[in-house]
């Protein structure tokens, strides 16, 4: 399996990582006691940039996946990396959705932090 066959899944995961930079990554760092709330406050200022990039990237990943799937169905070829791409895209969707929920409901984020401490 080469990169071209996993292009949709890799794009989805990369954009999910970018989307998680504002909410999930700082939350994880704080929960693991590797950083402070100041780190989280710094990265959350950029959520207006990170979250749209994540949503657009995951959407583009799905577009690439279904375009390739449609092409392979039309030509009668086997779609290489089908399960891996779909798994990566679904995982990326969960990450971006979690980042959007945490950004939309800041009281949930504070409750999570308070409950973990």
C-alpha atoms as a PDB file:
ATOM      1  CA  UNK A   1       0.000   0.000   0.000  1.00  0.00           C
ATOM      2  CA  UNK A   2       1.459   3.353  -1.007  1.00  0.00           C
ATOM      3  CA  UNK A   3       0.661   6.930  -0.086  1.00  0.00           C
ATOM      4  CA  UNK A   4      -1.613   7.485  -3.093  1.00  0.00           C
ATOM      5  CA  UNK A   5      -3.947   4.747  -1.933  1.00  0.00           C
ATOM      6  CA  UNK A   6      -4.170   6.283   1.564  1.00  0.00           C
ATOM      7  CA  UNK A   7      -4.309   9.922   0.446  1.00  0.00           C
ATOM      8  CA  UNK A   8      -7.880  10.506   1.673  1.00  0.00           C
ATOM      9  CA  UNK A   9      -7.283   8.986   5.107  1.00  0.00           C
ATOM     10  CA  UNK A  10      -3.953  10.738   5.639  1.00  0.00           C
ATOM     11  CA  UNK A  11      -5.478  14.086   4.642  1.00  0.00           C
ATOM     12  CA  UNK A  12      -8.358  13.517   7.043  1.00  0.00           C
ATOM     13  CA  UNK A  13      -6.044  12.620   9.943  1.00  0.00           C
ATOM     14  CA  UNK A  14      -3.710  15.560   9.266  1.00  0.00           C
ATOM     15  CA  UNK A  15      -6.589  18.011   9.258  1.00  0.00           C
ATOM     16  CA  UNK A  16      -8.027  16.376  12.393  1.00  0.00           C
ATOM     17  CA  UNK A  17      -4.666  16.924  14.085  1.00  0.00           C
ATOM     18  CA  UNK A  18      -4.768  20.592  13.090  1.00  0.00           C
ATOM     19  CA  UNK A  19      -8.324  20.898  14.431  1.00  0.00           C
ATOM     20  CA  UNK A  20      -7.300  19.264  17.708  1.00  0.00           C
ATOM     21  CA  UNK A  21      -4.553  21.847  18.260  1.00  0.00           C
ATOM     22  CA  UNK A  22      -7.042  24.305  19.714  1.00  0.00           C
ATOM     23  CA  UNK A  23      -8.972  22.093  22.102  1.00  0.00           C
ATOM     24  CA  UNK A  24      -8.065  18.420  22.406  1.00  0.00           C
ATOM     25  CA  UNK A  25      -4.281  18.595  22.402  1.00  0.00           C
ATOM     26  CA  UNK A  26      -4.051  21.284  25.121  1.00  0.00           C
ATOM     27  CA  UNK A  27      -6.695  19.465  27.161  1.00  0.00           C
ATOM     28  CA  UNK A  28      -4.656  16.272  26.953  1.00  0.00           C
ATOM     29  CA  UNK A  29      -1.455  18.093  27.870  1.00  0.00           C
ATOM     30  CA  UNK A  30      -3.105  19.678  30.910  1.00  0.00           C
ATOM     31  CA  UNK A  31      -4.728  16.393  31.994  1.00  0.00           C
ATOM     32  CA  UNK A  32      -1.365  14.619  31.790  1.00  0.00           C
ATOM     33  CA  UNK A  33       0.171  17.412  33.929  1.00  0.00           C
ATOM     34  CA  UNK A  34       2.650  18.243  31.195  1.00  0.00           C
ATOM     35  CA  UNK A  35       1.556  21.842  30.816  1.00  0.00           C
ATOM     36  CA  UNK A  36      -0.564  24.543  32.319  1.00  0.00           C
ATOM     37  CA  UNK A  37      -3.836  26.253  31.603  1.00  0.00           C
ATOM     38  CA  UNK A  38      -1.882  29.113  30.053  1.00  0.00           C
ATOM     39  CA  UNK A  39      -0.859  26.771  27.223  1.00  0.00           C
ATOM     40  CA  UNK A  40      -4.504  25.912  26.675  1.00  0.00           C
ATOM     41  CA  UNK A  41      -5.537  29.571  26.696  1.00  0.00           C
ATOM     42  CA  UNK A  42      -2.845  30.401  24.150  1.00  0.00           C
ATOM     43  CA  UNK A  43      -3.859  27.709  21.692  1.00  0.00           C
ATOM     44  CA  UNK A  44      -7.611  28.260  22.092  1.00  0.00           C
ATOM     45  CA  UNK A  45      -7.216  31.793  20.726  1.00  0.00           C
ATOM     46  CA  UNK A  46      -6.578  30.234  17.316  1.00  0.00           C
ATOM     47  CA  UNK A  47      -9.660  28.015  17.222  1.00  0.00           C
ATOM     48  CA  UNK A  48     -11.177  30.237  14.514  1.00  0.00           C
ATOM     49  CA  UNK A  49      -8.317  29.123  12.261  1.00  0.00           C
ATOM     50  CA  UNK A  50      -7.781  25.513  13.345  1.00  0.00           C
ATOM     51  CA  UNK A  51     -11.380  24.270  13.407  1.00  0.00           C
ATOM     52  CA  UNK A  52     -12.365  25.349   9.861  1.00  0.00           C
ATOM     53  CA  UNK A  53      -9.147  23.817   8.534  1.00  0.00           C
ATOM     54  CA  UNK A  54     -10.070  20.561  10.255  1.00  0.00           C
ATOM     55  CA  UNK A  55     -13.641  20.521   8.951  1.00  0.00           C
ATOM     56  CA  UNK A  56     -12.595  21.407   5.395  1.00  0.00           C
ATOM     57  CA  UNK A  57      -9.765  18.859   5.443  1.00  0.00           C
ATOM     58  CA  UNK A  58     -11.957  16.010   6.652  1.00  0.00           C
ATOM     59  CA  UNK A  59     -14.615  16.961   4.106  1.00  0.00           C
ATOM     60  CA  UNK A  60     -11.991  16.958   1.369  1.00  0.00           C
ATOM     61  CA  UNK A  61     -10.774  13.558   2.582  1.00  0.00           C
ATOM     62  CA  UNK A  62     -14.297  12.137   2.221  1.00  0.00           C
ATOM     63  CA  UNK A  63     -14.598  13.737  -1.204  1.00  0.00           C
ATOM     64  CA  UNK A  64     -11.337  12.111  -2.363  1.00  0.00           C
ATOM     65  CA  UNK A  65     -12.364   8.750  -0.922  1.00  0.00           C
ATOM     66  CA  UNK A  66     -15.782   8.680  -2.575  1.00  0.00           C
ATOM     67  CA  UNK A  67     -14.400  10.017  -5.868  1.00  0.00           C
ATOM     68  CA  UNK A  68     -11.855   7.192  -5.975  1.00  0.00           C
ATOM     69  CA  UNK A  69     -14.500   4.672  -4.948  1.00  0.00           C
ATOM     70  CA  UNK A  70     -16.811   5.860  -7.734  1.00  0.00           C
ATOM     71  CA  UNK A  71     -13.947   5.697 -10.247  1.00  0.00           C
ATOM     72  CA  UNK A  72     -13.054   2.141  -9.214  1.00  0.00           C
ATOM     73  CA  UNK A  73     -16.693   1.061  -9.395  1.00  0.00           C
ATOM     74  CA  UNK A  74     -16.964   2.504 -12.885  1.00  0.00           C
ATOM     75  CA  UNK A  75     -13.747   0.839 -14.091  1.00  0.00           C
ATOM     76  CA  UNK A  76     -14.312  -2.400 -12.183  1.00  0.00           C
ATOM     77  CA  UNK A  77     -11.037  -2.201 -10.279  1.00  0.00           C
ATOM     78  CA  UNK A  78     -10.367  -2.940  -6.627  1.00  0.00           C
ATOM     79  CA  UNK A  79     -10.127   0.030  -4.271  1.00  0.00           C
ATOM     80  CA  UNK A  80      -6.779  -0.310  -2.532  1.00  0.00           C
ATOM     81  CA  UNK A  81      -6.766   0.657   1.139  1.00  0.00           C
ATOM     82  CA  UNK A  82     -10.541   0.936   1.367  1.00  0.00           C
ATOM     83  CA  UNK A  83     -10.886  -0.190   4.989  1.00  0.00           C
ATOM     84  CA  UNK A  84      -7.840   1.747   6.171  1.00  0.00           C
ATOM     85  CA  UNK A  85      -9.016   4.963   4.494  1.00  0.00           C
ATOM     86  CA  UNK A  86     -12.494   4.629   5.914  1.00  0.00           C
ATOM     87  CA  UNK A  87     -11.122   3.881   9.396  1.00  0.00           C
ATOM     88  CA  UNK A  88      -8.825   6.920   9.281  1.00  0.00           C
ATOM     89  CA  UNK A  89     -11.622   9.154   8.017  1.00  0.00           C
ATOM     90  CA  UNK A  90     -14.043   7.991  10.711  1.00  0.00           C
ATOM     91  CA  UNK A  91     -11.408   8.510  13.412  1.00  0.00           C
ATOM     92  CA  UNK A  92     -10.659  11.982  12.011  1.00  0.00           C
ATOM     93  CA  UNK A  93     -14.387  12.762  12.053  1.00  0.00           C
ATOM     94  CA  UNK A  94     -14.598  11.808  15.738  1.00  0.00           C
ATOM     95  CA  UNK A  95     -11.593  14.013  16.582  1.00  0.00           C
ATOM     96  CA  UNK A  96     -12.925  17.038  14.691  1.00  0.00           C
ATOM     97  CA  UNK A  97     -16.401  16.571  16.196  1.00  0.00           C
ATOM     98  CA  UNK A  98     -14.926  16.396  19.704  1.00  0.00           C
ATOM     99  CA  UNK A  99     -12.901  19.555  19.046  1.00  0.00           C
ATOM    100  CA  UNK A 100     -16.017  21.345  17.782  1.00  0.00           C
ATOM    101  CA  UNK A 101     -18.064  20.242  20.796  1.00  0.00           C
ATOM    102  CA  UNK A 102     -15.378  21.333  23.260  1.00  0.00           C
ATOM    103  CA  UNK A 103     -15.058  24.690  21.515  1.00  0.00           C
ATOM    104  CA  UNK A 104     -18.802  25.236  21.293  1.00  0.00           C
ATOM    105  CA  UNK A 105     -19.451  24.270  24.919  1.00  0.00           C
ATOM    106  CA  UNK A 106     -16.604  25.726  27.015  1.00  0.00           C
ATOM    107  CA  UNK A 107     -18.390  24.795  30.232  1.00  0.00           C
ATOM    108  CA  UNK A 108     -18.015  21.135  29.222  1.00  0.00           C
ATOM    109  CA  UNK A 109     -14.275  21.660  28.828  1.00  0.00           C
ATOM    110  CA  UNK A 110     -14.009  23.272  32.238  1.00  0.00           C
ATOM    111  CA  UNK A 111     -16.098  20.485  33.800  1.00  0.00           C
ATOM    112  CA  UNK A 112     -13.794  17.881  32.247  1.00  0.00           C
ATOM    113  CA  UNK A 113     -10.723  19.653  33.581  1.00  0.00           C
ATOM    114  CA  UNK A 114     -12.237  20.108  37.003  1.00  0.00           C
ATOM    115  CA  UNK A 115     -13.323  16.490  37.213  1.00  0.00           C
ATOM    116  CA  UNK A 116      -9.912  15.222  36.154  1.00  0.00           C
ATOM    117  CA  UNK A 117      -8.016  17.321  38.672  1.00  0.00           C
END
